Amino acid sequence: KINKNTMNILKKGVRINNTYSSFKSIYSFSDKESGKN
């Protein structure tokens, strides 16, 4: 399940093994959703 909040979290950064990782940019490019993929 992915929404705007999910995307914002990944852009701001998440904590992994005592360090922070984030996407410089991320966006969906699916023509249409196929189930939850």
All heavy atoms as atom14 arrays in JSON, in Angstrom:
{
  "sequence": "KINKNTMNILKKGVRINNTYSSFKSIYSFSDKESGKN",
  "atom14_mask": [
    [1, 1, 1, 1, 1, 1, 1, 1, 1, 0, 0, 0, 0, 0],
    [1, 1, 1, 1, 1, 1, 1, 1, 0, 0, 0, 0, 0, 0],
    [1, 1, 1, 1, 1, 1, 1, 1, 0, 0, 0, 0, 0, 0],
    [1, 1, 1, 1, 1, 1, 1, 1, 1, 0, 0, 0, 0, 0],
    [1, 1, 1, 1, 1, 1, 1, 1, 0, 0, 0, 0, 0, 0],
    [1, 1, 1, 1, 1, 1, 1, 0, 0, 0, 0, 0, 0, 0],
    [1, 1, 1, 1, 1, 1, 1, 1, 0, 0, 0, 0, 0, 0],
    [1, 1, 1, 1, 1, 1, 1, 1, 0, 0, 0, 0, 0, 0],
    [1, 1, 1, 1, 1, 1, 1, 1, 0, 0, 0, 0, 0, 0],
    [1, 1, 1, 1, 1, 1, 1, 1, 0, 0, 0, 0, 0, 0],
    [1, 1, 1, 1, 1, 1, 1, 1, 1, 0, 0, 0, 0, 0],
    [1, 1, 1, 1, 1, 1, 1, 1, 1, 0, 0, 0, 0, 0],
    [1, 1, 1, 1, 0, 0, 0, 0, 0, 0, 0, 0, 0, 0],
    [1, 1, 1, 1, 1, 1, 1, 0, 0, 0, 0, 0, 0, 0],
    [1, 1, 1, 1, 1, 1, 1, 1, 1, 1, 1, 0, 0, 0],
    [1, 1, 1, 1, 1, 1, 1, 1, 0, 0, 0, 0, 0, 0],
    [1, 1, 1, 1, 1, 1, 1, 1, 0, 0, 0, 0, 0, 0],
    [1, 1, 1, 1, 1, 1, 1, 1, 0, 0, 0, 0, 0, 0],
    [1, 1, 1, 1, 1, 1, 1, 0, 0, 0, 0, 0, 0, 0],
    [1, 1, 1, 1, 1, 1, 1, 1, 1, 1, 1, 1, 0, 0],
    [1, 1, 1, 1, 1, 1, 0, 0, 0, 0, 0, 0, 0, 0],
    [1, 1, 1, 1, 1, 1, 0, 0, 0, 0, 0, 0, 0, 0],
    [1, 1, 1, 1, 1, 1, 1, 1, 1, 1, 1, 0, 0, 0],
    [1, 1, 1, 1, 1, 1, 1, 1, 1, 0, 0, 0, 0, 0],
    [1, 1, 1, 1, 1, 1, 0, 0, 0, 0, 0, 0, 0, 0],
    [1, 1, 1, 1, 1, 1, 1, 1, 0, 0, 0, 0, 0, 0],
    [1, 1, 1, 1, 1, 1, 1, 1, 1, 1, 1, 1, 0, 0],
    [1, 1, 1, 1, 1, 1, 0, 0, 0, 0, 0, 0, 0, 0],
    [1, 1, 1, 1, 1, 1, 1, 1, 1, 1, 1, 0, 0, 0],
    [1, 1, 1, 1, 1, 1, 0, 0, 0, 0, 0, 0, 0, 0],
    [1, 1, 1, 1, 1, 1, 1, 1, 0, 0, 0, 0, 0, 0],
    [1, 1, 1, 1, 1, 1, 1, 1, 1, 0, 0, 0, 0, 0],
    [1, 1, 1, 1, 1, 1, 1, 1, 1, 0, 0, 0, 0, 0],
    [1, 1, 1, 1, 1, 1, 0, 0, 0, 0, 0, 0, 0, 0],
    [1, 1, 1, 1, 0, 0, 0, 0, 0, 0, 0, 0, 0, 0],
    [1, 1, 1, 1, 1, 1, 1, 1, 1, 0, 0, 0, 0, 0],
    [1, 1, 1, 1, 1, 1, 1, 1, 0, 0, 0, 0, 0, 0]
  ],
  "atom14_positions": [
    [[0.84, -1.19, 0.0], [0.0, 0.0, 0.0], [0.88, 1.24, 0.0], [1.68, 1.45, 0.91], [-0.92, 0.0, 1.22], [-1.95, -1.12, 1.22], [-2.85, -1.04, 2.44], [-3.89, -2.15, 2.42], [-4.79, -2.08, 3.61], [0.0, 0.0, 0.0], [0.0, 0.0, 0.0], [0.0, 0.0, 0.0], [0.0, 0.0, 0.0], [0.0, 0.0, 0.0]],
    [[0.73, 2.07, -1.04], [1.59, 3.23, -1.21], [0.74, 4.47, -1.42], [-0.17, 4.48, -2.26], [2.54, 3.04, -2.42], [3.36, 1.74, -2.25], [3.49, 4.23, -2.57], [4.04, 1.28, -3.5], [0.0, 0.0, 0.0], [0.0, 0.0, 0.0], [0.0, 0.0, 0.0], [0.0, 0.0, 0.0], [0.0, 0.0, 0.0], [0.0, 0.0, 0.0]],
    [[1.03, 5.51, -0.66], [0.31, 6.78, -0.81], [1.33, 7.93, -0.78], [2.54, 7.71, -0.74], [-0.75, 6.93, 0.27], [-0.17, 6.73, 1.67], [0.95, 7.14, 1.95], [-0.95, 6.1, 2.54], [0.0, 0.0, 0.0], [0.0, 0.0, 0.0], [0.0, 0.0, 0.0], [0.0, 0.0, 0.0], [0.0, 0.0, 0.0], [0.0, 0.0, 0.0]],
    [[0.84, 9.16, -0.76], [1.73, 10.32, -0.77], [2.62, 10.35, 0.47], [3.79, 10.74, 0.39], [0.9, 11.61, -0.85], [0.26, 11.85, -2.2], [-0.46, 13.2, -2.23], [-1.06, 13.45, -3.6], [-1.78, 14.77, -3.65], [0.0, 0.0, 0.0], [0.0, 0.0, 0.0], [0.0, 0.0, 0.0], [0.0, 0.0, 0.0], [0.0, 0.0, 0.0]],
    [[2.08, 9.93, 1.6], [2.86, 9.92, 2.83], [4.04, 8.94, 2.71], [5.16, 9.23, 3.15], [1.98, 9.53, 4.01], [2.73, 9.59, 5.33], [3.33, 10.6, 5.68], [2.7, 8.49, 6.07], [0.0, 0.0, 0.0], [0.0, 0.0, 0.0], [0.0, 0.0, 0.0], [0.0, 0.0, 0.0], [0.0, 0.0, 0.0], [0.0, 0.0, 0.0]],
    [[3.77, 7.77, 2.08], [4.83, 6.79, 1.85], [5.96, 7.41, 1.05], [7.15, 7.28, 1.38], [4.29, 5.57, 1.09], [3.16, 5.05, 1.77], [5.37, 4.48, 1.0], [0.0, 0.0, 0.0], [0.0, 0.0, 0.0], [0.0, 0.0, 0.0], [0.0, 0.0, 0.0], [0.0, 0.0, 0.0], [0.0, 0.0, 0.0], [0.0, 0.0, 0.0]],
    [[5.59, 8.11, -0.03], [6.58, 8.72, -0.91], [7.38, 9.8, -0.18], [8.6, 9.91, -0.34], [5.89, 9.32, -2.13], [5.05, 8.32, -2.91], [6.04, 7.1, -3.77], [6.47, 8.03, -5.22], [0.0, 0.0, 0.0], [0.0, 0.0, 0.0], [0.0, 0.0, 0.0], [0.0, 0.0, 0.0], [0.0, 0.0, 0.0], [0.0, 0.0, 0.0]],
    [[6.7, 10.59, 0.64], [7.38, 11.65, 1.39], [8.39, 11.08, 2.38], [9.48, 11.63, 2.57], [6.37, 12.53, 2.12], [5.58, 13.42, 1.19], [6.07, 13.79, 0.11], [4.37, 13.78, 1.58], [0.0, 0.0, 0.0], [0.0, 0.0, 0.0], [0.0, 0.0, 0.0], [0.0, 0.0, 0.0], [0.0, 0.0, 0.0], [0.0, 0.0, 0.0]],
    [[8.02, 9.97, 3.01], [8.93, 9.32, 3.96], [10.21, 8.87, 3.24], [11.32, 9.09, 3.73], [8.24, 8.13, 4.64], [7.14, 8.61, 5.58], [9.26, 7.27, 5.41], [6.29, 7.49, 6.15], [0.0, 0.0, 0.0], [0.0, 0.0, 0.0], [0.0, 0.0, 0.0], [0.0, 0.0, 0.0], [0.0, 0.0, 0.0], [0.0, 0.0, 0.0]],
    [[10.05, 8.26, 2.06], [11.2, 7.76, 1.32], [12.08, 8.88, 0.79], [13.29, 8.72, 0.64], [10.73, 6.87, 0.16], [10.04, 5.56, 0.57], [9.49, 4.85, -0.65], [11.02, 4.65, 1.32], [0.0, 0.0, 0.0], [0.0, 0.0, 0.0], [0.0, 0.0, 0.0], [0.0, 0.0, 0.0], [0.0, 0.0, 0.0], [0.0, 0.0, 0.0]],
    [[11.48, 10.04, 0.52], [12.26, 11.19, 0.06], [13.01, 11.87, 1.21], [14.15, 12.31, 1.04], [11.34, 12.21, -0.63], [10.83, 11.77, -1.98], [9.89, 12.83, -2.56], [9.3, 12.4, -3.88], [8.35, 13.4, -4.42], [0.0, 0.0, 0.0], [0.0, 0.0, 0.0], [0.0, 0.0, 0.0], [0.0, 0.0, 0.0], [0.0, 0.0, 0.0]],
    [[12.36, 11.94, 2.37], [12.99, 12.6, 3.52], [14.08, 11.73, 4.13], [15.05, 12.24, 4.68], [11.92, 12.93, 4.56], [10.99, 14.05, 4.13], [9.95, 14.34, 5.22], [9.02, 15.48, 4.79], [8.0, 15.76, 5.83], [0.0, 0.0, 0.0], [0.0, 0.0, 0.0], [0.0, 0.0, 0.0], [0.0, 0.0, 0.0], [0.0, 0.0, 0.0]],
    [[13.9, 10.41, 4.07], [14.92, 9.51, 4.58], [14.42, 8.58, 5.65], [13.59, 8.97, 6.49], [0.0, 0.0, 0.0], [0.0, 0.0, 0.0], [0.0, 0.0, 0.0], [0.0, 0.0, 0.0], [0.0, 0.0, 0.0], [0.0, 0.0, 0.0], [0.0, 0.0, 0.0], [0.0, 0.0, 0.0], [0.0, 0.0, 0.0], [0.0, 0.0, 0.0]],
    [[14.89, 7.35, 5.62], [14.54, 6.35, 6.61], [15.81, 5.81, 7.25], [16.89, 5.82, 6.65], [13.74, 5.19, 5.97], [12.4, 5.68, 5.46], [14.54, 4.54, 4.84], [0.0, 0.0, 0.0], [0.0, 0.0, 0.0], [0.0, 0.0, 0.0], [0.0, 0.0, 0.0], [0.0, 0.0, 0.0], [0.0, 0.0, 0.0], [0.0, 0.0, 0.0]],
    [[15.7, 5.35, 8.47], [16.86, 4.88, 9.23], [17.1, 3.4, 8.95], [16.2, 2.57, 9.14], [16.64, 5.11, 10.73], [17.87, 4.87, 11.59], [17.58, 5.23, 13.03], [18.74, 5.02, 13.89], [19.7, 5.91, 14.07], [19.63, 7.08, 13.46], [20.73, 5.65, 14.86], [0.0, 0.0, 0.0], [0.0, 0.0, 0.0], [0.0, 0.0, 0.0]],
    [[18.31, 3.09, 8.48], [18.69, 1.71, 8.21], [20.08, 1.46, 8.8], [21.05, 2.11, 8.4], [18.72, 1.42, 6.69], [17.36, 1.71, 6.05], [19.14, -0.03, 6.43], [17.38, 1.64, 4.54], [0.0, 0.0, 0.0], [0.0, 0.0, 0.0], [0.0, 0.0, 0.0], [0.0, 0.0, 0.0], [0.0, 0.0, 0.0], [0.0, 0.0, 0.0]],
    [[20.16, 0.55, 9.75], [21.45, 0.2, 10.36], [22.24, 1.44, 10.82], [23.4, 1.64, 10.45], [22.29, -0.61, 9.38], [21.65, -1.95, 9.05], [20.97, -2.54, 9.87], [21.85, -2.42, 7.83], [0.0, 0.0, 0.0], [0.0, 0.0, 0.0], [0.0, 0.0, 0.0], [0.0, 0.0, 0.0], [0.0, 0.0, 0.0], [0.0, 0.0, 0.0]],
    [[21.58, 2.29, 11.57], [22.21, 3.48, 12.18], [22.63, 4.56, 11.18], [23.41, 5.46, 11.5], [23.43, 3.07, 13.02], [23.05, 2.17, 14.18], [22.02, 2.37, 14.83], [23.87, 1.15, 14.43], [0.0, 0.0, 0.0], [0.0, 0.0, 0.0], [0.0, 0.0, 0.0], [0.0, 0.0, 0.0], [0.0, 0.0, 0.0], [0.0, 0.0, 0.0]],
    [[22.15, 4.46, 9.94], [22.37, 5.53, 8.96], [21.04, 5.85, 8.29], [20.08, 5.09, 8.39], [23.39, 5.12, 7.88], [22.86, 4.0, 7.14], [24.72, 4.73, 8.51], [0.0, 0.0, 0.0], [0.0, 0.0, 0.0], [0.0, 0.0, 0.0], [0.0, 0.0, 0.0], [0.0, 0.0, 0.0], [0.0, 0.0, 0.0], [0.0, 0.0, 0.0]],
    [[20.99, 6.99, 7.62], [19.78, 7.4, 6.92], [19.96, 7.25, 5.42], [21.01, 7.59, 4.87], [19.41, 8.84, 7.27], [18.72, 8.97, 8.61], [19.45, 9.19, 9.76], [17.33, 8.83, 8.71], [18.82, 9.29, 11.0], [16.69, 8.93, 9.94], [17.45, 9.16, 11.08], [16.83, 9.25, 12.28], [0.0, 0.0, 0.0], [0.0, 0.0, 0.0]],
    [[18.91, 6.75, 4.76], [18.9, 6.61, 3.31], [17.64, 7.26, 2.77], [16.58, 7.21, 3.39], [18.93, 5.13, 2.9], [20.12, 4.51, 3.32], [0.0, 0.0, 0.0], [0.0, 0.0, 0.0], [0.0, 0.0, 0.0], [0.0, 0.0, 0.0], [0.0, 0.0, 0.0], [0.0, 0.0, 0.0], [0.0, 0.0, 0.0], [0.0, 0.0, 0.0]],
    [[17.78, 7.88, 1.6], [16.63, 8.54, 0.98], [16.78, 8.53, -0.53], [17.89, 8.41, -1.07], [16.51, 9.99, 1.47], [17.64, 10.74, 1.07], [0.0, 0.0, 0.0], [0.0, 0.0, 0.0], [0.0, 0.0, 0.0], [0.0, 0.0, 0.0], [0.0, 0.0, 0.0], [0.0, 0.0, 0.0], [0.0, 0.0, 0.0], [0.0, 0.0, 0.0]],
    [[15.66, 8.65, -1.21], [15.66, 8.81, -2.66], [15.85, 10.29, -2.99], [15.19, 11.15, -2.41], [14.35, 8.32, -3.27], [14.23, 6.82, -3.35], [13.46, 6.13, -2.44], [14.9, 6.12, -4.34], [13.34, 4.75, -2.51], [14.79, 4.74, -4.42], [14.01, 4.05, -3.5], [0.0, 0.0, 0.0], [0.0, 0.0, 0.0], [0.0, 0.0, 0.0]],
    [[16.72, 10.56, -3.94], [16.87, 11.93, -4.43], [15.6, 12.34, -5.16], [15.14, 13.48, -5.05], [18.08, 12.04, -5.35], [18.34, 13.43, -5.87], [19.6, 13.48, -6.71], [19.88, 14.89, -7.2], [21.12, 14.95, -8.01], [0.0, 0.0, 0.0], [0.0, 0.0, 0.0], [0.0, 0.0, 0.0], [0.0, 0.0, 0.0], [0.0, 0.0, 0.0]],
    [[15.03, 11.39, -5.9], [13.73, 11.58, -6.52], [13.08, 10.23, -6.7], [13.77, 9.21, -6.84], [13.85, 12.29, -7.87], [14.45, 11.45, -8.84], [0.0, 0.0, 0.0], [0.0, 0.0, 0.0], [0.0, 0.0, 0.0], [0.0, 0.0, 0.0], [0.0, 0.0, 0.0], [0.0, 0.0, 0.0], [0.0, 0.0, 0.0], [0.0, 0.0, 0.0]],
    [[11.75, 10.2, -6.68], [11.01, 8.96, -6.87], [9.61, 9.3, -7.35], [8.99, 10.25, -6.85], [10.97, 8.11, -5.57], [10.23, 6.8, -5.82], [10.38, 8.88, -4.41], [10.29, 5.82, -4.65], [0.0, 0.0, 0.0], [0.0, 0.0, 0.0], [0.0, 0.0, 0.0], [0.0, 0.0, 0.0], [0.0, 0.0, 0.0], [0.0, 0.0, 0.0]],
    [[9.14, 8.55, -8.33], [7.77, 8.76, -8.81], [7.25, 7.5, -9.47], [8.0, 6.65, -9.93], [7.68, 9.94, -9.77], [8.44, 9.76, -11.07], [7.84, 9.19, -12.18], [9.77, 10.17, -11.18], [8.53, 9.03, -13.37], [10.47, 10.02, -12.36], [9.85, 9.44, -13.45], [10.54, 9.28, -14.62], [0.0, 0.0, 0.0], [0.0, 0.0, 0.0]],
    [[5.91, 7.38, -9.5], [5.26, 6.23, -10.12], [5.12, 6.49, -11.62], [4.84, 7.61, -12.05], [3.88, 6.02, -9.5], [3.16, 5.03, -10.22], [0.0, 0.0, 0.0], [0.0, 0.0, 0.0], [0.0, 0.0, 0.0], [0.0, 0.0, 0.0], [0.0, 0.0, 0.0], [0.0, 0.0, 0.0], [0.0, 0.0, 0.0], [0.0, 0.0, 0.0]],
    [[5.32, 5.44, -12.42], [5.1, 5.6, -13.85], [4.25, 4.45, -14.41], [4.27, 4.17, -15.6], [6.43, 5.72, -14.61], [7.27, 4.47, -14.62], [7.23, 3.59, -15.69], [8.12, 4.18, -13.56], [8.02, 2.45, -15.7], [8.91, 3.05, -13.58], [8.85, 2.18, -14.65], [0.0, 0.0, 0.0], [0.0, 0.0, 0.0], [0.0, 0.0, 0.0]],
    [[3.5, 3.8, -13.52], [2.59, 2.74, -13.97], [1.45, 3.36, -14.76], [0.88, 4.39, -14.38], [2.02, 1.98, -12.77], [3.06, 1.34, -12.06], [0.0, 0.0, 0.0], [0.0, 0.0, 0.0], [0.0, 0.0, 0.0], [0.0, 0.0, 0.0], [0.0, 0.0, 0.0], [0.0, 0.0, 0.0], [0.0, 0.0, 0.0], [0.0, 0.0, 0.0]],
    [[1.11, 2.72, -15.9], [-0.04, 3.17, -16.67], [-1.33, 2.94, -15.89], [-2.25, 3.74, -15.91], [-0.11, 2.44, -18.02], [1.04, 2.83, -18.92], [1.54, 3.96, -18.8], [1.45, 1.99, -19.75], [0.0, 0.0, 0.0], [0.0, 0.0, 0.0], [0.0, 0.0, 0.0], [0.0, 0.0, 0.0], [0.0, 0.0, 0.0], [0.0, 0.0, 0.0]],
    [[-1.36, 1.81, -15.23], [-2.49, 1.51, -14.35], [-2.03, 0.51, -13.31], [-1.07, -0.22, -13.51], [-3.67, 0.94, -15.15], [-3.34, -0.34, -15.9], [-4.55, -0.83, -16.66], [-4.22, -2.15, -17.41], [-5.39, -2.65, -18.15], [0.0, 0.0, 0.0], [0.0, 0.0, 0.0], [0.0, 0.0, 0.0], [0.0, 0.0, 0.0], [0.0, 0.0, 0.0]],
    [[-2.7, 0.5, -12.21], [-2.33, -0.4, -11.12], [-2.75, -1.83, -11.46], [-3.8, -2.07, -12.03], [-2.98, 0.03, -9.81], [-2.46, 1.35, -9.28], [-3.02, 1.67, -7.91], [-3.51, 0.72, -7.28], [-2.96, 2.83, -7.51], [0.0, 0.0, 0.0], [0.0, 0.0, 0.0], [0.0, 0.0, 0.0], [0.0, 0.0, 0.0], [0.0, 0.0, 0.0]],
    [[-1.88, -2.77, -11.15], [-2.18, -4.19, -11.33], [-2.16, -4.83, -9.95], [-1.11, -5.2, -9.44], [-1.14, -4.83, -12.25], [-1.37, -6.22, -12.35], [0.0, 0.0, 0.0], [0.0, 0.0, 0.0], [0.0, 0.0, 0.0], [0.0, 0.0, 0.0], [0.0, 0.0, 0.0], [0.0, 0.0, 0.0], [0.0, 0.0, 0.0], [0.0, 0.0, 0.0]],
    [[-3.35, -4.91, -9.33], [-3.4, -5.38, -7.95], [-2.69, -4.4, -7.06], [-2.93, -3.19, -7.1], [0.0, 0.0, 0.0], [0.0, 0.0, 0.0], [0.0, 0.0, 0.0], [0.0, 0.0, 0.0], [0.0, 0.0, 0.0], [0.0, 0.0, 0.0], [0.0, 0.0, 0.0], [0.0, 0.0, 0.0], [0.0, 0.0, 0.0], [0.0, 0.0, 0.0]],
    [[-1.77, -4.88, -6.26], [-1.0, -4.01, -5.38], [0.42, -3.79, -5.89], [1.28, -3.29, -5.18], [-0.96, -4.6, -3.97], [-2.32, -4.55, -3.26], [-2.17, -5.02, -1.82], [-3.5, -4.92, -1.09], [-3.39, -5.35, 0.33], [0.0, 0.0, 0.0], [0.0, 0.0, 0.0], [0.0, 0.0, 0.0], [0.0, 0.0, 0.0], [0.0, 0.0, 0.0]],
    [[0.68, -4.17, -7.13], [2.0, -3.96, -7.73], [2.02, -2.66, -8.51], [1.14, -2.42, -9.34], [2.36, -5.12, -8.65], [2.71, -6.38, -7.89], [3.71, -6.43, -7.19], [1.86, -7.39, -8.0], [0.0, 0.0, 0.0], [0.0, 0.0, 0.0], [0.0, 0.0, 0.0], [0.0, 0.0, 0.0], [0.0, 0.0, 0.0], [0.0, 0.0, 0.0]]
  ]
}
